[in-house]
Amino acid sequence: MVKREDLLKHLSGMSDFERTVLMATFEIPIGKVSTYKRIAEVVGRPRAYRAVGNALHKNPLAPVIPCHRVVRSDGRIVGETREEVEARRNLLEKEGVPVVGNRVKIREEIIY
């Protein structure tokens, strides 16, 4: 089991905002997803959803910090390459998240 204190040590070179985003993402349980917008709201910066995406892009501890569990508000799985999107989709499917194409079927019971 990974401890929060250990994660914070590995994230020491990042900004406070980036660490806060990554730690909020760490809390998303297996089988659940969140959105960039919801993470922005959780960290107290509700309009900073693009900055959330930028912070997740810098995630040095994937998949320990499960950035693959953060999707767009419409459920779309995003990544820089087709392979990255496919890898995220595969991880989500293995975790039991319903995915059709490259979109998570957003339902209340899977949103964290």
C-alpha atoms as a PDB file:
ATOM      1  CA  MET A   1       0.000   0.000   0.000  1.00  0.00           C
ATOM      2  CA  VAL A   2       1.415   3.356  -1.023  1.00  0.00           C
ATOM      3  CA  LYS A   3       1.407   6.048   1.659  1.00  0.00           C
ATOM      4  CA  ARG A   4       0.532   9.681   1.007  1.00  0.00           C
ATOM      5  CA  GLU A   5       3.752  10.816   2.710  1.00  0.00           C
ATOM      6  CA  ASP A   6       5.840   8.725   0.312  1.00  0.00           C
ATOM      7  CA  LEU A   7       4.009  10.178  -2.682  1.00  0.00           C
ATOM      8  CA  LEU A   8       4.521  13.721  -1.462  1.00  0.00           C
ATOM      9  CA  LYS A   9       8.278  13.093  -1.227  1.00  0.00           C
ATOM     10  CA  HIS A  10       8.318  12.061  -4.900  1.00  0.00           C
ATOM     11  CA  LEU A  11       6.320  15.157  -5.856  1.00  0.00           C
ATOM     12  CA  SER A  12       8.518  17.647  -4.006  1.00  0.00           C
ATOM     13  CA  GLY A  13       9.749  19.326  -7.201  1.00  0.00           C
ATOM     14  CA  MET A  14       6.251  20.225  -8.346  1.00  0.00           C
ATOM     15  CA  SER A  15       4.158  23.303  -7.593  1.00  0.00           C
ATOM     16  CA  ASP A  16       1.639  23.286  -4.745  1.00  0.00           C
ATOM     17  CA  PHE A  17      -1.203  23.235  -7.279  1.00  0.00           C
ATOM     18  CA  GLU A  18       0.291  20.284  -9.176  1.00  0.00           C
ATOM     19  CA  ARG A  19       0.834  18.318  -5.951  1.00  0.00           C
ATOM     20  CA  THR A  20      -2.716  19.056  -4.813  1.00  0.00           C
ATOM     21  CA  VAL A  21      -4.151  17.887  -8.145  1.00  0.00           C
ATOM     22  CA  LEU A  22      -2.076  14.717  -8.143  1.00  0.00           C
ATOM     23  CA  MET A  23      -3.002  13.886  -4.560  1.00  0.00           C
ATOM     24  CA  ALA A  24      -6.711  14.430  -5.327  1.00  0.00           C
ATOM     25  CA  THR A  25      -6.321  12.093  -8.302  1.00  0.00           C
ATOM     26  CA  PHE A  26      -4.616   9.516  -6.065  1.00  0.00           C
ATOM     27  CA  GLU A  27      -7.878   9.300  -4.081  1.00  0.00           C
ATOM     28  CA  ILE A  28      -9.964   8.099  -7.054  1.00  0.00           C
ATOM     29  CA  PRO A  29     -10.742   4.435  -6.326  1.00  0.00           C
ATOM     30  CA  ILE A  30     -10.534   1.565  -8.787  1.00  0.00           C
ATOM     31  CA  GLY A  31     -13.695   1.333 -10.877  1.00  0.00           C
ATOM     32  CA  LYS A  32     -14.463   5.042 -10.578  1.00  0.00           C
ATOM     33  CA  VAL A  33     -13.588   8.064 -12.717  1.00  0.00           C
ATOM     34  CA  SER A  34     -13.553  11.789 -12.226  1.00  0.00           C
ATOM     35  CA  THR A  35     -13.428  14.682 -14.664  1.00  0.00           C
ATOM     36  CA  TYR A  36     -10.934  17.484 -15.068  1.00  0.00           C
ATOM     37  CA  LYS A  37     -13.667  19.879 -13.967  1.00  0.00           C
ATOM     38  CA  ARG A  38     -14.507  17.891 -10.812  1.00  0.00           C
ATOM     39  CA  ILE A  39     -10.839  17.689  -9.828  1.00  0.00           C
ATOM     40  CA  ALA A  40     -10.580  21.470 -10.307  1.00  0.00           C
ATOM     41  CA  GLU A  41     -13.579  21.902  -8.012  1.00  0.00           C
ATOM     42  CA  VAL A  42     -12.125  19.509  -5.412  1.00  0.00           C
ATOM     43  CA  VAL A  43      -8.866  21.462  -5.245  1.00  0.00           C
ATOM     44  CA  GLY A  44     -10.727  24.762  -4.884  1.00  0.00           C
ATOM     45  CA  ARG A  45     -10.047  26.139  -8.367  1.00  0.00           C
ATOM     46  CA  PRO A  46     -13.313  25.403 -10.236  1.00  0.00           C
ATOM     47  CA  ARG A  47     -12.327  27.172 -13.449  1.00  0.00           C
ATOM     48  CA  ALA A  48      -8.835  25.650 -13.628  1.00  0.00           C
ATOM     49  CA  TYR A  49      -9.781  22.417 -15.417  1.00  0.00           C
ATOM     50  CA  ARG A  50      -7.197  23.004 -18.155  1.00  0.00           C
ATOM     51  CA  ALA A  51      -4.516  23.539 -15.515  1.00  0.00           C
ATOM     52  CA  VAL A  52      -5.633  20.245 -13.969  1.00  0.00           C
ATOM     53  CA  GLY A  53      -4.963  18.583 -17.325  1.00  0.00           C
ATOM     54  CA  ASN A  54      -1.517  20.166 -17.470  1.00  0.00           C
ATOM     55  CA  ALA A  55      -0.702  18.975 -13.947  1.00  0.00           C
ATOM     56  CA  LEU A  56      -1.823  15.440 -14.784  1.00  0.00           C
ATOM     57  CA  HIS A  57       0.295  15.530 -17.929  1.00  0.00           C
ATOM     58  CA  LYS A  58       3.327  15.956 -15.639  1.00  0.00           C
ATOM     59  CA  ASN A  59       2.379  12.974 -13.446  1.00  0.00           C
ATOM     60  CA  PRO A  60       5.674  11.216 -12.649  1.00  0.00           C
ATOM     61  CA  LEU A  61       3.990   8.357 -10.791  1.00  0.00           C
ATOM     62  CA  ALA A  62       1.450   6.904 -13.214  1.00  0.00           C
ATOM     63  CA  PRO A  63      -0.306   4.523 -12.688  1.00  0.00           C
ATOM     64  CA  VAL A  64       0.251   4.799  -8.906  1.00  0.00           C
ATOM     65  CA  ILE A  65      -1.402   8.194  -9.228  1.00  0.00           C
ATOM     66  CA  PRO A  66      -4.154   7.060 -11.610  1.00  0.00           C
ATOM     67  CA  CYS A  67      -4.443   9.916 -14.087  1.00  0.00           C
ATOM     68  CA  HIS A  68      -6.102   7.442 -16.473  1.00  0.00           C
ATOM     69  CA  ARG A  69      -9.173   7.720 -14.219  1.00  0.00           C
ATOM     70  CA  VAL A  70      -9.658  11.396 -15.142  1.00  0.00           C
ATOM     71  CA  VAL A  71     -11.708  12.003 -18.289  1.00  0.00           C
ATOM     72  CA  ARG A  72     -13.429  14.894 -20.009  1.00  0.00           C
ATOM     73  CA  SER A  73     -16.887  15.899 -18.795  1.00  0.00           C
ATOM     74  CA  ASP A  74     -18.400  14.161 -21.823  1.00  0.00           C
ATOM     75  CA  GLY A  75     -16.595  10.934 -20.859  1.00  0.00           C
ATOM     76  CA  ARG A  76     -13.979  11.131 -23.584  1.00  0.00           C
ATOM     77  CA  ILE A  77     -10.621   9.565 -22.793  1.00  0.00           C
ATOM     78  CA  VAL A  78      -7.835  11.863 -23.903  1.00  0.00           C
ATOM     79  CA  GLY A  79      -4.119  11.546 -24.489  1.00  0.00           C
ATOM     80  CA  GLU A  80      -1.414  12.891 -26.752  1.00  0.00           C
ATOM     81  CA  THR A  81      -1.321   9.826 -28.984  1.00  0.00           C
ATOM     82  CA  ARG A  82      -3.715   7.137 -30.111  1.00  0.00           C
ATOM     83  CA  GLU A  83      -1.598   4.605 -28.214  1.00  0.00           C
ATOM     84  CA  GLU A  84      -1.875   6.612 -25.003  1.00  0.00           C
ATOM     85  CA  VAL A  85      -5.665   6.796 -25.323  1.00  0.00           C
ATOM     86  CA  GLU A  86      -5.813   3.067 -26.016  1.00  0.00           C
ATOM     87  CA  ALA A  87      -3.633   2.285 -22.984  1.00  0.00           C
ATOM     88  CA  ARG A  88      -5.866   4.411 -20.736  1.00  0.00           C
ATOM     89  CA  ARG A  89      -8.977   2.782 -22.162  1.00  0.00           C
ATOM     90  CA  ASN A  90      -7.507  -0.675 -21.504  1.00  0.00           C
ATOM     91  CA  LEU A  91      -6.667   0.225 -17.892  1.00  0.00           C
ATOM     92  CA  LEU A  92     -10.182   1.552 -17.305  1.00  0.00           C
ATOM     93  CA  GLU A  93     -11.780  -1.530 -18.842  1.00  0.00           C
ATOM     94  CA  LYS A  94      -9.613  -3.811 -16.631  1.00  0.00           C
ATOM     95  CA  GLU A  95     -10.827  -1.820 -13.622  1.00  0.00           C
ATOM     96  CA  GLY A  96     -14.461  -2.423 -14.585  1.00  0.00           C
ATOM     97  CA  VAL A  97     -15.275   1.035 -15.925  1.00  0.00           C
ATOM     98  CA  PRO A  98     -17.814   0.879 -18.776  1.00  0.00           C
ATOM     99  CA  VAL A  99     -16.194   2.182 -21.962  1.00  0.00           C
ATOM    100  CA  VAL A 100     -17.640   2.432 -25.464  1.00  0.00           C
ATOM    101  CA  GLY A 101     -15.115   3.414 -28.096  1.00  0.00           C
ATOM    102  CA  ASN A 102     -12.968   6.054 -26.415  1.00  0.00           C
ATOM    103  CA  ARG A 103     -15.655   7.283 -24.031  1.00  0.00           C
ATOM    104  CA  VAL A 104     -16.518   6.277 -20.519  1.00  0.00           C
ATOM    105  CA  LYS A 105     -20.238   5.751 -20.071  1.00  0.00           C
ATOM    106  CA  ILE A 106     -20.694   8.413 -17.404  1.00  0.00           C
ATOM    107  CA  ARG A 107     -23.110   7.216 -14.739  1.00  0.00           C
ATOM    108  CA  GLU A 108     -23.605   8.504 -11.218  1.00  0.00           C
ATOM    109  CA  GLU A 109     -22.305   5.289  -9.629  1.00  0.00           C
ATOM    110  CA  ILE A 110     -18.887   5.528 -11.294  1.00  0.00           C
ATOM    111  CA  ILE A 111     -18.245   9.256 -10.781  1.00  0.00           C
ATOM    112  CA  TYR A 112     -15.949  10.098  -7.910  1.00  0.00           C
END
